Amino acid sequence: MIESICQHPAGRFQRCRNCNTEPRHVRTSGRLSKEPVTFQPVGIRHRIECNCGARTALHANLGGAEAEWGTDYAQLALTLRTPRRKRAA
């Protein structure tokens, strides 16, 4: 298995909810040692991982990895407080 880190512009991925840092995109080719041996070529797969150890599973496309990151590891949007109006006397 060969892994390489792909560079993206800052702000491309949502920040991690554990450590508040932006994750990196890892591109993988080949099969993992724990996967069964097949005599068919394994394509390029994508994963998003963070320094704190949060990572997605391997996906066939980057969109799938981004979707999993957004639902499982991404920082939730903060709710904005709505301003209250003063009552007229």
PDB file of N, CA and C in Angstrom:
ATOM      1  N   MET A   1       0.838  -1.164   0.000  1.00  0.00           N
ATOM      2  CA  MET A   1       0.000   0.000   0.000  1.00  0.00           C
ATOM      3  C   MET A   1       0.891   1.237   0.000  1.00  0.00           C
ATOM      4  N   ILE A   2       0.588   2.164  -0.854  1.00  0.00           N
ATOM      5  CA  ILE A   2       1.339   3.414  -0.946  1.00  0.00           C
ATOM      6  C   ILE A   2       0.392   4.560  -0.610  1.00  0.00           C
ATOM      7  N   GLU A   3       0.796   5.394   0.340  1.00  0.00           N
ATOM      8  CA  GLU A   3      -0.014   6.547   0.736  1.00  0.00           C
ATOM      9  C   GLU A   3       0.715   7.826   0.383  1.00  0.00           C
ATOM     10  N   SER A   4      -0.046   8.817  -0.056  1.00  0.00           N
ATOM     11  CA  SER A   4       0.523  10.133  -0.310  1.00  0.00           C
ATOM     12  C   SER A   4      -0.469  11.182   0.177  1.00  0.00           C
ATOM     13  N   ILE A   5       0.052  12.292   0.675  1.00  0.00           N
ATOM     14  CA  ILE A   5      -0.789  13.372   1.172  1.00  0.00           C
ATOM     15  C   ILE A   5      -0.975  14.384   0.059  1.00  0.00           C
ATOM     16  N   CYS A   6      -2.229  14.697  -0.239  1.00  0.00           N
ATOM     17  CA  CYS A   6      -2.554  15.652  -1.297  1.00  0.00           C
ATOM     18  C   CYS A   6      -2.740  17.039  -0.691  1.00  0.00           C
ATOM     19  N   GLN A   7      -2.207  18.043  -1.345  1.00  0.00           N
ATOM     20  CA  GLN A   7      -2.316  19.418  -0.877  1.00  0.00           C
ATOM     21  C   GLN A   7      -3.606  20.038  -1.398  1.00  0.00           C
ATOM     22  N   HIS A   8      -4.301  20.774  -0.528  1.00  0.00           N
ATOM     23  CA  HIS A   8      -5.513  21.500  -0.885  1.00  0.00           C
ATOM     24  C   HIS A   8      -5.410  22.899  -0.289  1.00  0.00           C
ATOM     25  N   PRO A   9      -6.155  23.863  -0.833  1.00  0.00           N
ATOM     26  CA  PRO A   9      -6.135  25.203  -0.246  1.00  0.00           C
ATOM     27  C   PRO A   9      -6.702  25.181   1.177  1.00  0.00           C
ATOM     28  N   ALA A  10      -6.267  26.111   1.995  1.00  0.00           N
ATOM     29  CA  ALA A  10      -6.752  26.196   3.378  1.00  0.00           C
ATOM     30  C   ALA A  10      -8.255  26.426   3.387  1.00  0.00           C
ATOM     31  N   GLY A  11      -8.931  25.779   4.313  1.00  0.00           N
ATOM     32  CA  GLY A  11     -10.381  25.920   4.421  1.00  0.00           C
ATOM     33  C   GLY A  11     -11.155  24.937   3.561  1.00  0.00           C
ATOM     34  N   ARG A  12     -10.508  24.027   2.891  1.00  0.00           N
ATOM     35  CA  ARG A  12     -11.176  23.060   2.006  1.00  0.00           C
ATOM     36  C   ARG A  12     -12.025  22.071   2.796  1.00  0.00           C
ATOM     37  N   PHE A  13     -11.515  21.602   3.944  1.00  0.00           N
ATOM     38  CA  PHE A  13     -12.224  20.629   4.766  1.00  0.00           C
ATOM     39  C   PHE A  13     -12.668  21.281   6.068  1.00  0.00           C
ATOM     40  N   GLN A  14     -13.724  20.750   6.650  1.00  0.00           N
ATOM     41  CA  GLN A  14     -14.204  21.264   7.927  1.00  0.00           C
ATOM     42  C   GLN A  14     -13.213  20.882   9.021  1.00  0.00           C
ATOM     43  N   ARG A  15     -13.071  21.752  10.012  1.00  0.00           N
ATOM     44  CA  ARG A  15     -12.125  21.508  11.097  1.00  0.00           C
ATOM     45  C   ARG A  15     -12.586  20.353  11.979  1.00  0.00           C
ATOM     46  N   CYS A  16     -11.623  19.719  12.633  1.00  0.00           N
ATOM     47  CA  CYS A  16     -11.880  18.577  13.505  1.00  0.00           C
ATOM     48  C   CYS A  16     -12.556  19.048  14.792  1.00  0.00           C
ATOM     49  N   ARG A  17     -13.539  18.291  15.257  1.00  0.00           N
ATOM     50  CA  ARG A  17     -14.214  18.686  16.492  1.00  0.00           C
ATOM     51  C   ARG A  17     -13.391  18.342  17.730  1.00  0.00           C
ATOM     52  N   ASN A  18     -12.416  17.457  17.621  1.00  0.00           N
ATOM     53  CA  ASN A  18     -11.585  17.094  18.775  1.00  0.00           C
ATOM     54  C   ASN A  18     -10.479  18.105  19.034  1.00  0.00           C
ATOM     55  N   CYS A  19      -9.736  18.472  18.005  1.00  0.00           N
ATOM     56  CA  CYS A  19      -8.558  19.326  18.207  1.00  0.00           C
ATOM     57  C   CYS A  19      -8.626  20.665  17.467  1.00  0.00           C
ATOM     58  N   ASN A  20      -9.687  20.913  16.711  1.00  0.00           N
ATOM     59  CA  ASN A  20      -9.923  22.177  16.006  1.00  0.00           C
ATOM     60  C   ASN A  20      -8.847  22.495  14.961  1.00  0.00           C
ATOM     61  N   THR A  21      -8.240  21.471  14.366  1.00  0.00           N
ATOM     62  CA  THR A  21      -7.299  21.690  13.273  1.00  0.00           C
ATOM     63  C   THR A  21      -7.905  21.157  11.977  1.00  0.00           C
ATOM     64  N   GLU A  22      -7.383  21.657  10.877  1.00  0.00           N
ATOM     65  CA  GLU A  22      -7.889  21.200   9.583  1.00  0.00           C
ATOM     66  C   GLU A  22      -7.247  19.859   9.220  1.00  0.00           C
ATOM     67  N   PRO A  23      -8.032  18.891   8.782  1.00  0.00           N
ATOM     68  CA  PRO A  23      -7.482  17.576   8.449  1.00  0.00           C
ATOM     69  C   PRO A  23      -6.754  17.588   7.110  1.00  0.00           C
ATOM     70  N   ARG A  24      -6.129  16.466   6.789  1.00  0.00           N
ATOM     71  CA  ARG A  24      -5.421  16.328   5.512  1.00  0.00           C
ATOM     72  C   ARG A  24      -6.045  15.203   4.690  1.00  0.00           C
ATOM     73  N   HIS A  25      -5.847  15.288   3.400  1.00  0.00           N
ATOM     74  CA  HIS A  25      -6.371  14.314   2.447  1.00  0.00           C
ATOM     75  C   HIS A  25      -5.263  13.319   2.132  1.00  0.00           C
ATOM     76  N   VAL A  26      -5.536  12.044   2.390  1.00  0.00           N
ATOM     77  CA  VAL A  26      -4.560  10.988   2.120  1.00  0.00           C
ATOM     78  C   VAL A  26      -5.076  10.145   0.965  1.00  0.00           C
ATOM     79  N   ARG A  27      -4.236   9.967  -0.035  1.00  0.00           N
ATOM     80  CA  ARG A  27      -4.572   9.179  -1.220  1.00  0.00           C
ATOM     81  C   ARG A  27      -3.821   7.857  -1.134  1.00  0.00           C
ATOM     82  N   THR A  28      -4.548   6.755  -1.266  1.00  0.00           N
ATOM     83  CA  THR A  28      -3.973   5.429  -1.067  1.00  0.00           C
ATOM     84  C   THR A  28      -4.122   4.598  -2.330  1.00  0.00           C
ATOM     85  N   SER A  29      -3.069   3.890  -2.698  1.00  0.00           N
ATOM     86  CA  SER A  29      -3.161   2.938  -3.800  1.00  0.00           C
ATOM     87  C   SER A  29      -2.636   1.594  -3.301  1.00  0.00           C
ATOM     88  N   GLY A  30      -3.249   0.528  -3.745  1.00  0.00           N
ATOM     89  CA  GLY A  30      -2.887  -0.800  -3.263  1.00  0.00           C
ATOM     90  C   GLY A  30      -3.869  -1.274  -2.211  1.00  0.00           C
ATOM     91  N   ARG A  31      -3.608  -2.444  -1.655  1.00  0.00           N
ATOM     92  CA  ARG A  31      -4.524  -2.983  -0.658  1.00  0.00           C
ATOM     93  C   ARG A  31      -3.848  -3.016   0.704  1.00  0.00           C
ATOM     94  N   LEU A  32      -4.666  -2.989   1.755  1.00  0.00           N
ATOM     95  CA  LEU A  32      -4.168  -3.094   3.120  1.00  0.00           C
ATOM     96  C   LEU A  32      -3.766  -4.530   3.410  1.00  0.00           C
ATOM     97  N   SER A  33      -2.904  -4.735   4.376  1.00  0.00           N
ATOM     98  CA  SER A  33      -2.477  -6.091   4.711  1.00  0.00           C
ATOM     99  C   SER A  33      -3.610  -6.921   5.308  1.00  0.00           C
ATOM    100  N   LYS A  34      -4.604  -6.280   5.905  1.00  0.00           N
ATOM    101  CA  LYS A  34      -5.718  -7.024   6.495  1.00  0.00           C
ATOM    102  C   LYS A  34      -6.843  -7.310   5.501  1.00  0.00           C
ATOM    103  N   GLU A  35      -6.742  -6.794   4.291  1.00  0.00           N
ATOM    104  CA  GLU A  35      -7.740  -7.074   3.260  1.00  0.00           C
ATOM    105  C   GLU A  35      -7.407  -8.402   2.579  1.00  0.00           C
ATOM    106  N   PRO A  36      -8.436  -9.122   2.117  1.00  0.00           N
ATOM    107  CA  PRO A  36      -8.159 -10.398   1.447  1.00  0.00           C
ATOM    108  C   PRO A  36      -7.431 -10.192   0.118  1.00  0.00           C
ATOM    109  N   VAL A  37      -6.655 -11.189  -0.257  1.00  0.00           N
ATOM    110  CA  VAL A  37      -5.893 -11.115  -1.508  1.00  0.00           C
ATOM    111  C   VAL A  37      -6.839 -11.360  -2.675  1.00  0.00           C
ATOM    112  N   THR A  38      -6.820 -10.451  -3.622  1.00  0.00           N
ATOM    113  CA  THR A  38      -7.563 -10.611  -4.867  1.00  0.00           C
ATOM    114  C   THR A  38      -6.586 -10.380  -6.010  1.00  0.00           C
ATOM    115  N   PHE A  39      -6.868 -10.982  -7.123  1.00  0.00           N
ATOM    116  CA  PHE A  39      -5.969 -10.840  -8.265  1.00  0.00           C
ATOM    117  C   PHE A  39      -6.463  -9.787  -9.234  1.00  0.00           C
ATOM    118  N   GLN A  40      -7.274  -8.867  -8.716  1.00  0.00           N
ATOM    119  CA  GLN A  40      -7.739  -7.728  -9.492  1.00  0.00           C
ATOM    120  C   GLN A  40      -7.060  -6.486  -8.941  1.00  0.00           C
ATOM    121  N   PRO A  41      -6.748  -5.534  -9.805  1.00  0.00           N
ATOM    122  CA  PRO A  41      -6.082  -4.324  -9.312  1.00  0.00           C
ATOM    123  C   PRO A  41      -7.020  -3.507  -8.415  1.00  0.00           C
ATOM    124  N   VAL A  42      -6.443  -2.947  -7.369  1.00  0.00           N
ATOM    125  CA  VAL A  42      -7.191  -2.087  -6.460  1.00  0.00           C
ATOM    126  C   VAL A  42      -6.947  -0.652  -6.890  1.00  0.00           C
ATOM    127  N   GLY A  43      -8.003   0.106  -7.078  1.00  0.00           N
ATOM    128  CA  GLY A  43      -7.866   1.481  -7.539  1.00  0.00           C
ATOM    129  C   GLY A  43      -7.394   2.416  -6.440  1.00  0.00           C
ATOM    130  N   ILE A  44      -7.367   3.668  -6.764  1.00  0.00           N
ATOM    131  CA  ILE A  44      -6.962   4.699  -5.818  1.00  0.00           C
ATOM    132  C   ILE A  44      -8.132   4.987  -4.889  1.00  0.00           C
ATOM    133  N   ARG A  45      -7.838   5.045  -3.589  1.00  0.00           N
ATOM    134  CA  ARG A  45      -8.869   5.325  -2.598  1.00  0.00           C
ATOM    135  C   ARG A  45      -8.455   6.539  -1.769  1.00  0.00           C
ATOM    136  N   HIS A  46      -9.422   7.148  -1.125  1.00  0.00           N
ATOM    137  CA  HIS A  46      -9.196   8.407  -0.415  1.00  0.00           C
ATOM    138  C   HIS A  46      -9.639   8.286   1.032  1.00  0.00           C
ATOM    139  N   ARG A  47      -8.953   9.031   1.894  1.00  0.00           N
ATOM    140  CA  ARG A  47      -9.294   9.080   3.308  1.00  0.00           C
ATOM    141  C   ARG A  47      -8.929  10.469   3.822  1.00  0.00           C
ATOM    142  N   ILE A  48      -9.658  10.936   4.821  1.00  0.00           N
ATOM    143  CA  ILE A  48      -9.354  12.203   5.474  1.00  0.00           C
ATOM    144  C   ILE A  48      -8.957  11.875   6.904  1.00  0.00           C
ATOM    145  N   GLU A  49      -7.826  12.436   7.353  1.00  0.00           N
ATOM    146  CA  GLU A  49      -7.365  12.161   8.703  1.00  0.00           C
ATOM    147  C   GLU A  49      -6.829  13.422   9.356  1.00  0.00           C
ATOM    148  N   CYS A  50      -6.802  13.391  10.684  1.00  0.00           N
ATOM    149  CA  CYS A  50      -6.380  14.540  11.476  1.00  0.00           C
ATOM    150  C   CYS A  50      -5.194  14.143  12.351  1.00  0.00           C
ATOM    151  N   ASN A  51      -4.504  15.116  12.890  1.00  0.00           N
ATOM    152  CA  ASN A  51      -3.350  14.848  13.758  1.00  0.00           C
ATOM    153  C   ASN A  51      -3.739  14.130  15.041  1.00  0.00           C
ATOM    154  N   CYS A  52      -4.969  14.324  15.513  1.00  0.00           N
ATOM    155  CA  CYS A  52      -5.391  13.726  16.781  1.00  0.00           C
ATOM    156  C   CYS A  52      -5.765  12.251  16.628  1.00  0.00           C
ATOM    157  N   GLY A  53      -5.766  11.725  15.410  1.00  0.00           N
ATOM    158  CA  GLY A  53      -6.057  10.313  15.190  1.00  0.00           C
ATOM    159  C   GLY A  53      -7.416  10.045  14.586  1.00  0.00           C
ATOM    160  N   ALA A  54      -8.247  11.062  14.445  1.00  0.00           N
ATOM    161  CA  ALA A  54      -9.550  10.879  13.802  1.00  0.00           C
ATOM    162  C   ALA A  54      -9.334  10.662  12.315  1.00  0.00           C
ATOM    163  N   ARG A  55      -9.963   9.610  11.759  1.00  0.00           N
ATOM    164  CA  ARG A  55      -9.806   9.339  10.331  1.00  0.00           C
ATOM    165  C   ARG A  55     -11.032   8.622   9.803  1.00  0.00           C
ATOM    166  N   THR A  56     -11.266   8.798   8.516  1.00  0.00           N
ATOM    167  CA  THR A  56     -12.382   8.130   7.867  1.00  0.00           C
ATOM    168  C   THR A  56     -11.910   6.791   7.313  1.00  0.00           C
ATOM    169  N   ALA A  57     -12.853   6.006   6.849  1.00  0.00           N
ATOM    170  CA  ALA A  57     -12.520   4.763   6.162  1.00  0.00           C
ATOM    171  C   ALA A  57     -12.029   5.104   4.753  1.00  0.00           C
ATOM    172  N   LEU A  58     -11.527   4.125   4.048  1.00  0.00           N
ATOM    173  CA  LEU A  58     -11.099   4.335   2.666  1.00  0.00           C
ATOM    174  C   LEU A  58     -12.324   4.382   1.762  1.00  0.00           C
ATOM    175  N   HIS A  59     -12.375   5.375   0.877  1.00  0.00           N
ATOM    176  CA  HIS A  59     -13.499   5.559  -0.042  1.00  0.00           C
ATOM    177  C   HIS A  59     -12.990   5.608  -1.472  1.00  0.00           C
ATOM    178  N   ALA A  60     -13.842   5.214  -2.395  1.00  0.00           N
ATOM    179  CA  ALA A  60     -13.470   5.204  -3.808  1.00  0.00           C
ATOM    180  C   ALA A  60     -13.301   6.612  -4.361  1.00  0.00           C
ATOM    181  N   ASN A  61     -13.993   7.595  -3.774  1.00  0.00           N
ATOM    182  CA  ASN A  61     -13.855   8.974  -4.238  1.00  0.00           C
ATOM    183  C   ASN A  61     -13.746   9.907  -3.034  1.00  0.00           C
ATOM    184  N   LEU A  62     -13.260  11.104  -3.273  1.00  0.00           N
ATOM    185  CA  LEU A  62     -13.057  12.076  -2.204  1.00  0.00           C
ATOM    186  C   LEU A  62     -14.384  12.544  -1.623  1.00  0.00           C
ATOM    187  N   GLY A  63     -15.423  12.593  -2.434  1.00  0.00           N
ATOM    188  CA  GLY A  63     -16.731  13.027  -1.957  1.00  0.00           C
ATOM    189  C   GLY A  63     -17.270  12.133  -0.844  1.00  0.00           C
ATOM    190  N   GLY A  64     -17.067  10.835  -0.969  1.00  0.00           N
ATOM    191  CA  GLY A  64     -17.504   9.909   0.065  1.00  0.00           C
ATOM    192  C   GLY A  64     -16.753  10.112   1.372  1.00  0.00           C
ATOM    193  N   ALA A  65     -15.458  10.351   1.276  1.00  0.00           N
ATOM    194  CA  ALA A  65     -14.653  10.600   2.475  1.00  0.00           C
ATOM    195  C   ALA A  65     -15.061  11.910   3.138  1.00  0.00           C
ATOM    196  N   GLU A  66     -15.334  12.939   2.324  1.00  0.00           N
ATOM    197  CA  GLU A  66     -15.780  14.221   2.876  1.00  0.00           C
ATOM    198  C   GLU A  66     -17.127  14.090   3.564  1.00  0.00           C
ATOM    199  N   ALA A  67     -18.027  13.305   2.987  1.00  0.00           N
ATOM    200  CA  ALA A  67     -19.344  13.109   3.599  1.00  0.00           C
ATOM    201  C   ALA A  67     -19.211  12.416   4.953  1.00  0.00           C
ATOM    202  N   GLU A  68     -18.366  11.398   5.033  1.00  0.00           N
ATOM    203  CA  GLU A  68     -18.167  10.718   6.317  1.00  0.00           C
ATOM    204  C   GLU A  68     -17.501  11.641   7.326  1.00  0.00           C
ATOM    205  N   TRP A  69     -16.536  12.434   6.908  1.00  0.00           N
ATOM    206  CA  TRP A  69     -15.870  13.373   7.809  1.00  0.00           C
ATOM    207  C   TRP A  69     -16.874  14.380   8.356  1.00  0.00           C
ATOM    208  N   GLY A  70     -17.734  14.882   7.499  1.00  0.00           N
ATOM    209  CA  GLY A  70     -18.712  15.888   7.924  1.00  0.00           C
ATOM    210  C   GLY A  70     -19.709  15.363   8.936  1.00  0.00           C
ATOM    211  N   THR A  71     -20.101  14.101   8.820  1.00  0.00           N
ATOM    212  CA  THR A  71     -21.086  13.559   9.741  1.00  0.00           C
ATOM    213  C   THR A  71     -20.467  13.033  11.023  1.00  0.00           C
ATOM    214  N   ASP A  72     -19.235  12.537  10.983  1.00  0.00           N
ATOM    215  CA  ASP A  72     -18.659  11.876  12.154  1.00  0.00           C
ATOM    216  C   ASP A  72     -17.640  12.719  12.930  1.00  0.00           C
ATOM    217  N   TYR A  73     -16.815  13.488  12.242  1.00  0.00           N
ATOM    218  CA  TYR A  73     -15.687  14.133  12.915  1.00  0.00           C
ATOM    219  C   TYR A  73     -15.638  15.651  12.811  1.00  0.00           C
ATOM    220  N   ALA A  74     -16.439  16.247  11.959  1.00  0.00           N
ATOM    221  CA  ALA A  74     -16.331  17.684  11.730  1.00  0.00           C
ATOM    222  C   ALA A  74     -16.938  18.472  12.882  1.00  0.00           C
ATOM    223  N   GLN A  75     -16.411  19.666  13.048  1.00  0.00           N
ATOM    224  CA  GLN A  75     -16.893  20.552  14.094  1.00  0.00           C
ATOM    225  C   GLN A  75     -18.295  21.036  13.743  1.00  0.00           C
ATOM    226  N   LEU A  76     -19.179  21.020  14.708  1.00  0.00           N
ATOM    227  CA  LEU A  76     -20.547  21.461  14.478  1.00  0.00           C
ATOM    228  C   LEU A  76     -20.601  22.982  14.399  1.00  0.00           C
ATOM    229  N   ALA A  77     -21.517  23.476  13.602  1.00  0.00           N
ATOM    230  CA  ALA A  77     -21.685  24.917  13.480  1.00  0.00           C
ATOM    231  C   ALA A  77     -22.284  25.463  14.767  1.00  0.00           C
ATOM    232  N   LEU A  78     -21.770  26.587  15.198  1.00  0.00           N
ATOM    233  CA  LEU A  78     -22.283  27.199  16.413  1.00  0.00           C
ATOM    234  C   LEU A  78     -23.558  27.960  16.107  1.00  0.00           C
ATOM    235  N   THR A  79     -24.514  27.874  16.996  1.00  0.00           N
ATOM    236  CA  THR A  79     -25.765  28.600  16.784  1.00  0.00           C
ATOM    237  C   THR A  79     -25.560  30.059  17.173  1.00  0.00           C
ATOM    238  N   LEU A  80     -26.137  30.928  16.407  1.00  0.00           N
ATOM    239  CA  LEU A  80     -26.010  32.357  16.674  1.00  0.00           C
ATOM    240  C   LEU A  80     -27.141  32.806  17.583  1.00  0.00           C
ATOM    241  N   ARG A  81     -26.814  33.675  18.498  1.00  0.00           N
ATOM    242  CA  ARG A  81     -27.843  34.211  19.369  1.00  0.00           C
ATOM    243  C   ARG A  81     -28.611  35.278  18.616  1.00  0.00           C
ATOM    244  N   THR A  82     -29.902  35.241  18.749  1.00  0.00           N
ATOM    245  CA  THR A  82     -30.721  36.264  18.098  1.00  0.00           C
ATOM    246  C   THR A  82     -30.873  37.445  19.046  1.00  0.00           C
ATOM    247  N   PRO A  83     -30.674  38.646  18.547  1.00  0.00           N
ATOM    248  CA  PRO A  83     -30.784  39.814  19.422  1.00  0.00           C
ATOM    249  C   PRO A  83     -32.238  40.020  19.848  1.00  0.00           C
ATOM    250  N   ARG A  84     -32.417  40.401  21.088  1.00  0.00           N
ATOM    251  CA  ARG A  84     -33.759  40.684  21.597  1.00  0.00           C
ATOM    252  C   ARG A  84     -34.064  42.141  21.417  1.00  0.00           C
ATOM    253  N   ARG A  85     -35.310  42.393  21.127  1.00  0.00           N
ATOM    254  CA  ARG A  85     -35.743  43.799  20.982  1.00  0.00           C
ATOM    255  C   ARG A  85     -36.308  44.275  22.310  1.00  0.00           C
ATOM    256  N   LYS A  86     -36.066  45.502  22.585  1.00  0.00           N
ATOM    257  CA  LYS A  86     -36.614  46.087  23.789  1.00  0.00           C
ATOM    258  C   LYS A  86     -38.093  46.365  23.579  1.00  0.00           C
ATOM    259  N   ARG A  87     -38.848  46.151  24.603  1.00  0.00           N
ATOM    260  CA  ARG A  87     -40.283  46.408  24.513  1.00  0.00           C
ATOM    261  C   ARG A  87     -40.556  47.906  24.494  1.00  0.00           C
ATOM    262  N   ALA A  88     -41.517  48.267  23.706  1.00  0.00           N
ATOM    263  CA  ALA A  88     -41.936  49.674  23.674  1.00  0.00           C
ATOM    264  C   ALA A  88     -42.838  49.931  24.887  1.00  0.00           C
ATOM    265  N   ALA A  89     -42.620  51.061  25.528  1.00  0.00           N
ATOM    266  CA  ALA A  89     -43.410  51.367  26.734  1.00  0.00           C
ATOM    267  C   ALA A  89     -44.770  51.925  26.412  1.00  0.00           C
TER     268      ALA A  89
END
